[in-house]
Amino acid sequence: MVNNFGKFCRKLRIDRNELLYDMAKMLGVSSAFLSKVENGRKKPPVEWREKIIQAYGLDAEAIRQLDRCMYEAQNYDSIDMSHFSDPDKMLMLNFARKLNSIDKEKLREFLKKEVGDE
């Protein structure tokens, strides 16, 4: 799924008549890796921020937009489970795998009753 970071990068390239290869080369990665980042399958490395700002001469507003897009891309679908026990990690992973088949109304009722979630 294309994310806002991917849209931001594509717009930069299109506005400058560049190919994916050109931006990937500037970032020091393969076209395949950049494509995965743009499509939300990989997260953009934080060091890309300065490279993109310098290479494309971004103004203050574009930098703010880049920062928002990078933050979203780096934090999308992320849950820090480092403090969970191994059994709890497995529980969370199994829950995530089965989420589409769970009755959402029953889940809402459970959460409301057990944890006060709305």
N, C-alpha and C. Protein backbone atom coordinates (compact mmCIF):
# COMPACT_ATOMS: atom_id res chain seq x y z
N MET A 1 0.84 -1.17 0.00
CA MET A 1 0.00 0.00 0.00
C MET A 1 0.89 1.25 0.00
N VAL A 2 0.72 2.08 -0.98
CA VAL A 2 1.51 3.30 -1.06
C VAL A 2 1.18 4.19 0.13
N ASN A 3 2.20 4.69 0.80
CA ASN A 3 1.99 5.57 1.94
C ASN A 3 2.32 7.01 1.54
N ASN A 4 2.13 7.92 2.48
CA ASN A 4 2.38 9.34 2.18
C ASN A 4 3.85 9.60 1.86
N PHE A 5 4.75 8.84 2.49
CA PHE A 5 6.17 8.99 2.17
C PHE A 5 6.41 8.60 0.71
N GLY A 6 5.80 7.51 0.28
CA GLY A 6 5.94 7.08 -1.11
C GLY A 6 5.39 8.12 -2.08
N LYS A 7 4.26 8.69 -1.74
CA LYS A 7 3.67 9.74 -2.59
C LYS A 7 4.59 10.96 -2.64
N PHE A 8 5.15 11.31 -1.49
CA PHE A 8 6.06 12.46 -1.42
C PHE A 8 7.26 12.23 -2.33
N CYS A 9 7.88 11.06 -2.23
CA CYS A 9 9.06 10.75 -3.05
C CYS A 9 8.72 10.73 -4.54
N ARG A 10 7.61 10.11 -4.87
CA ARG A 10 7.21 10.06 -6.29
C ARG A 10 6.98 11.45 -6.85
N LYS A 11 6.36 12.32 -6.06
CA LYS A 11 6.13 13.69 -6.52
C LYS A 11 7.46 14.40 -6.75
N LEU A 12 8.41 14.22 -5.82
CA LEU A 12 9.73 14.82 -6.02
C LEU A 12 10.34 14.37 -7.35
N ARG A 13 10.28 13.08 -7.60
CA ARG A 13 10.86 12.54 -8.83
C ARG A 13 10.14 13.04 -10.07
N ILE A 14 8.83 13.01 -10.04
CA ILE A 14 8.04 13.44 -11.20
C ILE A 14 8.29 14.92 -11.50
N ASP A 15 8.31 15.73 -10.44
CA ASP A 15 8.54 17.17 -10.62
C ASP A 15 9.91 17.45 -11.24
N ARG A 16 10.85 16.52 -11.07
CA ARG A 16 12.21 16.71 -11.58
C ARG A 16 12.55 15.76 -12.73
N ASN A 17 11.53 15.10 -13.26
CA ASN A 17 11.70 14.15 -14.37
C ASN A 17 12.74 13.08 -14.07
N GLU A 18 12.71 12.56 -12.84
CA GLU A 18 13.64 11.51 -12.44
C GLU A 18 12.93 10.16 -12.41
N LEU A 19 13.72 9.13 -12.55
CA LEU A 19 13.23 7.76 -12.43
C LEU A 19 13.47 7.28 -11.00
N LEU A 20 12.81 6.21 -10.64
CA LEU A 20 13.04 5.57 -9.35
C LEU A 20 14.52 5.27 -9.18
N TYR A 21 15.15 4.81 -10.24
CA TYR A 21 16.58 4.49 -10.21
C TYR A 21 17.42 5.69 -9.78
N ASP A 22 17.06 6.88 -10.30
CA ASP A 22 17.82 8.09 -9.99
C ASP A 22 17.79 8.41 -8.49
N MET A 23 16.59 8.35 -7.91
CA MET A 23 16.48 8.64 -6.48
C MET A 23 17.15 7.54 -5.66
N ALA A 24 16.99 6.31 -6.07
CA ALA A 24 17.62 5.19 -5.35
C ALA A 24 19.13 5.36 -5.34
N LYS A 25 19.69 5.72 -6.47
CA LYS A 25 21.14 5.93 -6.56
C LYS A 25 21.59 7.05 -5.63
N MET A 26 20.83 8.14 -5.60
CA MET A 26 21.15 9.26 -4.73
C MET A 26 21.10 8.84 -3.26
N LEU A 27 20.15 7.96 -2.92
CA LEU A 27 20.00 7.50 -1.54
C LEU A 27 20.96 6.36 -1.19
N GLY A 28 21.62 5.82 -2.19
CA GLY A 28 22.58 4.75 -1.96
C GLY A 28 21.94 3.39 -1.73
N VAL A 29 20.77 3.18 -2.35
CA VAL A 29 20.06 1.90 -2.23
C VAL A 29 19.64 1.41 -3.61
N SER A 30 19.14 0.20 -3.66
CA SER A 30 18.65 -0.34 -4.92
C SER A 30 17.27 0.23 -5.24
N SER A 31 16.92 0.18 -6.51
CA SER A 31 15.57 0.59 -6.92
C SER A 31 14.52 -0.27 -6.24
N ALA A 32 14.84 -1.55 -6.09
CA ALA A 32 13.89 -2.48 -5.46
C ALA A 32 13.62 -2.07 -4.01
N PHE A 33 14.66 -1.69 -3.28
CA PHE A 33 14.47 -1.28 -1.88
C PHE A 33 13.65 0.00 -1.81
N LEU A 34 13.97 0.98 -2.63
CA LEU A 34 13.21 2.23 -2.63
C LEU A 34 11.75 1.96 -2.97
N SER A 35 11.51 1.10 -3.93
CA SER A 35 10.14 0.74 -4.29
C SER A 35 9.41 0.13 -3.11
N LYS A 36 10.06 -0.74 -2.36
CA LYS A 36 9.44 -1.34 -1.18
C LYS A 36 9.11 -0.29 -0.13
N VAL A 37 9.99 0.68 0.04
CA VAL A 37 9.74 1.75 1.00
C VAL A 37 8.54 2.57 0.54
N GLU A 38 8.52 2.94 -0.72
CA GLU A 38 7.42 3.75 -1.25
C GLU A 38 6.08 3.03 -1.16
N ASN A 39 6.12 1.71 -1.26
CA ASN A 39 4.89 0.93 -1.22
C ASN A 39 4.52 0.45 0.18
N GLY A 40 5.26 0.94 1.17
CA GLY A 40 4.93 0.63 2.55
C GLY A 40 5.37 -0.74 3.04
N ARG A 41 6.18 -1.43 2.26
CA ARG A 41 6.64 -2.77 2.68
C ARG A 41 7.93 -2.69 3.49
N LYS A 42 8.61 -1.56 3.45
CA LYS A 42 9.81 -1.30 4.25
C LYS A 42 9.69 0.12 4.80
N LYS A 43 10.43 0.39 5.87
CA LYS A 43 10.41 1.72 6.47
C LYS A 43 11.59 2.54 5.97
N PRO A 44 11.39 3.84 5.75
CA PRO A 44 12.51 4.66 5.27
C PRO A 44 13.55 4.85 6.36
N PRO A 45 14.82 4.64 6.05
CA PRO A 45 15.88 4.89 7.03
C PRO A 45 15.92 6.38 7.40
N VAL A 46 16.18 6.68 8.66
CA VAL A 46 16.17 8.07 9.13
C VAL A 46 17.22 8.93 8.42
N GLU A 47 18.33 8.32 7.99
CA GLU A 47 19.37 9.11 7.33
C GLU A 47 18.93 9.62 5.95
N TRP A 48 17.83 9.10 5.43
CA TRP A 48 17.31 9.59 4.15
C TRP A 48 16.84 11.03 4.26
N ARG A 49 16.40 11.44 5.44
CA ARG A 49 15.85 12.79 5.61
C ARG A 49 16.84 13.84 5.10
N GLU A 50 18.05 13.83 5.63
CA GLU A 50 19.04 14.84 5.23
C GLU A 50 19.43 14.71 3.76
N LYS A 51 19.55 13.48 3.29
CA LYS A 51 19.91 13.27 1.88
C LYS A 51 18.86 13.87 0.95
N ILE A 52 17.59 13.65 1.28
CA ILE A 52 16.50 14.17 0.44
C ILE A 52 16.44 15.70 0.52
N ILE A 53 16.59 16.24 1.73
CA ILE A 53 16.56 17.70 1.89
C ILE A 53 17.67 18.35 1.06
N GLN A 54 18.88 17.81 1.15
CA GLN A 54 20.01 18.38 0.43
C GLN A 54 19.89 18.19 -1.08
N ALA A 55 19.57 16.97 -1.50
CA ALA A 55 19.54 16.66 -2.93
C ALA A 55 18.44 17.43 -3.67
N TYR A 56 17.33 17.68 -2.98
CA TYR A 56 16.19 18.31 -3.65
C TYR A 56 15.97 19.76 -3.20
N GLY A 57 16.86 20.28 -2.36
CA GLY A 57 16.76 21.67 -1.93
C GLY A 57 15.40 22.03 -1.37
N LEU A 58 14.91 21.22 -0.44
CA LEU A 58 13.56 21.42 0.09
C LEU A 58 13.46 22.70 0.93
N ASP A 59 12.34 23.39 0.78
CA ASP A 59 12.09 24.57 1.62
C ASP A 59 11.47 24.12 2.94
N ALA A 60 11.22 25.06 3.84
CA ALA A 60 10.76 24.75 5.20
C ALA A 60 9.44 23.97 5.18
N GLU A 61 8.51 24.35 4.32
CA GLU A 61 7.22 23.65 4.26
C GLU A 61 7.41 22.23 3.75
N ALA A 62 8.22 22.04 2.74
CA ALA A 62 8.47 20.69 2.21
C ALA A 62 9.18 19.82 3.26
N ILE A 63 10.05 20.43 4.05
CA ILE A 63 10.73 19.68 5.12
C ILE A 63 9.72 19.24 6.17
N ARG A 64 8.79 20.12 6.53
CA ARG A 64 7.74 19.74 7.49
C ARG A 64 6.91 18.58 6.94
N GLN A 65 6.58 18.66 5.66
CA GLN A 65 5.81 17.58 5.02
C GLN A 65 6.62 16.29 5.00
N LEU A 66 7.88 16.37 4.66
CA LEU A 66 8.76 15.20 4.66
C LEU A 66 8.81 14.58 6.05
N ASP A 67 8.97 15.42 7.07
CA ASP A 67 9.02 14.92 8.44
C ASP A 67 7.74 14.19 8.83
N ARG A 68 6.59 14.75 8.46
CA ARG A 68 5.31 14.09 8.76
C ARG A 68 5.22 12.75 8.05
N CYS A 69 5.60 12.75 6.78
CA CYS A 69 5.53 11.51 5.98
C CYS A 69 6.47 10.44 6.51
N MET A 70 7.67 10.85 6.88
CA MET A 70 8.64 9.88 7.41
C MET A 70 8.16 9.34 8.75
N TYR A 71 7.62 10.21 9.60
CA TYR A 71 7.13 9.76 10.89
C TYR A 71 6.02 8.72 10.70
N GLU A 72 5.08 9.02 9.82
CA GLU A 72 3.99 8.07 9.54
C GLU A 72 4.54 6.74 9.03
N ALA A 73 5.45 6.82 8.07
CA ALA A 73 5.99 5.60 7.46
C ALA A 73 6.77 4.77 8.47
N GLN A 74 7.48 5.43 9.36
CA GLN A 74 8.28 4.70 10.34
C GLN A 74 7.45 4.14 11.48
N ASN A 75 6.26 4.68 11.69
CA ASN A 75 5.44 4.25 12.82
C ASN A 75 4.18 3.51 12.42
N TYR A 76 3.91 3.39 11.15
CA TYR A 76 2.72 2.69 10.70
C TYR A 76 2.85 1.20 10.98
N ASP A 77 1.79 0.63 11.51
CA ASP A 77 1.74 -0.81 11.79
C ASP A 77 2.83 -1.27 12.75
N SER A 78 3.27 -0.41 13.62
CA SER A 78 4.32 -0.79 14.57
C SER A 78 3.77 -0.84 15.98
N ILE A 79 4.07 -1.92 16.65
CA ILE A 79 3.75 -2.05 18.07
C ILE A 79 5.03 -2.52 18.74
N ASP A 80 5.47 -1.76 19.74
CA ASP A 80 6.67 -2.15 20.47
C ASP A 80 6.30 -3.25 21.44
N MET A 81 6.75 -4.45 21.16
CA MET A 81 6.46 -5.60 22.02
C MET A 81 7.71 -6.05 22.77
N SER A 82 8.75 -5.22 22.79
CA SER A 82 10.00 -5.63 23.42
C SER A 82 9.86 -5.88 24.91
N HIS A 83 8.89 -5.25 25.54
CA HIS A 83 8.69 -5.44 26.97
C HIS A 83 7.69 -6.56 27.28
N PHE A 84 7.12 -7.19 26.24
CA PHE A 84 6.17 -8.28 26.44
C PHE A 84 6.91 -9.58 26.73
N SER A 85 6.28 -10.45 27.48
CA SER A 85 6.83 -11.80 27.68
C SER A 85 6.67 -12.57 26.38
N ASP A 86 7.41 -13.65 26.21
CA ASP A 86 7.29 -14.46 24.99
C ASP A 86 5.87 -14.97 24.78
N PRO A 87 5.18 -15.48 25.81
CA PRO A 87 3.80 -15.92 25.59
C PRO A 87 2.88 -14.78 25.15
N ASP A 88 3.07 -13.58 25.72
CA ASP A 88 2.25 -12.44 25.32
C ASP A 88 2.55 -12.01 23.88
N LYS A 89 3.81 -12.08 23.47
CA LYS A 89 4.17 -11.78 22.08
C LYS A 89 3.45 -12.73 21.13
N MET A 90 3.46 -14.01 21.47
CA MET A 90 2.79 -15.01 20.63
C MET A 90 1.28 -14.75 20.59
N LEU A 91 0.71 -14.38 21.72
CA LEU A 91 -0.72 -14.06 21.77
C LEU A 91 -1.04 -12.90 20.83
N MET A 92 -0.24 -11.84 20.90
CA MET A 92 -0.46 -10.67 20.04
C MET A 92 -0.31 -11.03 18.56
N LEU A 93 0.70 -11.80 18.22
CA LEU A 93 0.90 -12.18 16.82
C LEU A 93 -0.24 -13.05 16.32
N ASN A 94 -0.70 -13.98 17.14
CA ASN A 94 -1.84 -14.82 16.74
C ASN A 94 -3.10 -13.99 16.59
N PHE A 95 -3.30 -13.04 17.49
CA PHE A 95 -4.45 -12.15 17.39
C PHE A 95 -4.41 -11.37 16.08
N ALA A 96 -3.24 -10.80 15.76
CA ALA A 96 -3.10 -10.01 14.53
C ALA A 96 -3.39 -10.85 13.30
N ARG A 97 -2.93 -12.09 13.30
CA ARG A 97 -3.16 -12.98 12.15
C ARG A 97 -4.63 -13.29 11.96
N LYS A 98 -5.38 -13.34 13.04
CA LYS A 98 -6.78 -13.74 12.97
C LYS A 98 -7.76 -12.56 13.01
N LEU A 99 -7.27 -11.35 13.03
CA LEU A 99 -8.11 -10.18 13.19
C LEU A 99 -9.23 -10.10 12.16
N ASN A 100 -8.94 -10.44 10.92
CA ASN A 100 -9.96 -10.33 9.87
C ASN A 100 -11.11 -11.31 10.05
N SER A 101 -10.88 -12.40 10.77
CA SER A 101 -11.94 -13.40 10.93
C SER A 101 -12.69 -13.26 12.27
N ILE A 102 -12.29 -12.30 13.09
CA ILE A 102 -12.93 -12.10 14.39
C ILE A 102 -14.19 -11.26 14.23
N ASP A 103 -15.23 -11.62 14.96
CA ASP A 103 -16.46 -10.83 15.00
C ASP A 103 -16.15 -9.50 15.70
N LYS A 104 -16.15 -8.43 14.95
CA LYS A 104 -15.74 -7.12 15.48
C LYS A 104 -16.68 -6.61 16.58
N GLU A 105 -17.96 -6.90 16.46
CA GLU A 105 -18.89 -6.45 17.49
C GLU A 105 -18.62 -7.17 18.81
N LYS A 106 -18.35 -8.47 18.75
CA LYS A 106 -18.00 -9.21 19.98
C LYS A 106 -16.70 -8.69 20.56
N LEU A 107 -15.75 -8.36 19.72
CA LEU A 107 -14.48 -7.83 20.19
C LEU A 107 -14.69 -6.48 20.90
N ARG A 108 -15.51 -5.61 20.29
CA ARG A 108 -15.81 -4.32 20.93
C ARG A 108 -16.46 -4.51 22.29
N GLU A 109 -17.41 -5.44 22.35
CA GLU A 109 -18.08 -5.72 23.63
C GLU A 109 -17.08 -6.22 24.66
N PHE A 110 -16.21 -7.11 24.25
CA PHE A 110 -15.19 -7.66 25.15
C PHE A 110 -14.29 -6.53 25.67
N LEU A 111 -13.79 -5.71 24.77
CA LEU A 111 -12.89 -4.63 25.17
C LEU A 111 -13.59 -3.64 26.10
N LYS A 112 -14.82 -3.32 25.80
CA LYS A 112 -15.56 -2.40 26.65
C LYS A 112 -15.72 -2.98 28.05
N LYS A 113 -16.05 -4.26 28.14
CA LYS A 113 -16.26 -4.92 29.42
C LYS A 113 -14.95 -5.13 30.19
N GLU A 114 -13.91 -5.61 29.49
CA GLU A 114 -12.67 -6.01 30.17
C GLU A 114 -11.70 -4.88 30.43
N VAL A 115 -11.62 -3.94 29.50
CA VAL A 115 -10.60 -2.88 29.67
C VAL A 115 -11.17 -1.48 29.59
N GLY A 116 -12.48 -1.37 29.49
CA GLY A 116 -13.10 -0.05 29.46
C GLY A 116 -12.86 0.71 28.18
N ASP A 117 -12.46 0.00 27.12
CA ASP A 117 -12.20 0.63 25.82
C ASP A 117 -13.53 0.88 25.12
N GLU A 118 -13.60 1.95 24.32
CA GLU A 118 -14.84 2.23 23.60
C GLU A 118 -14.68 2.05 22.13
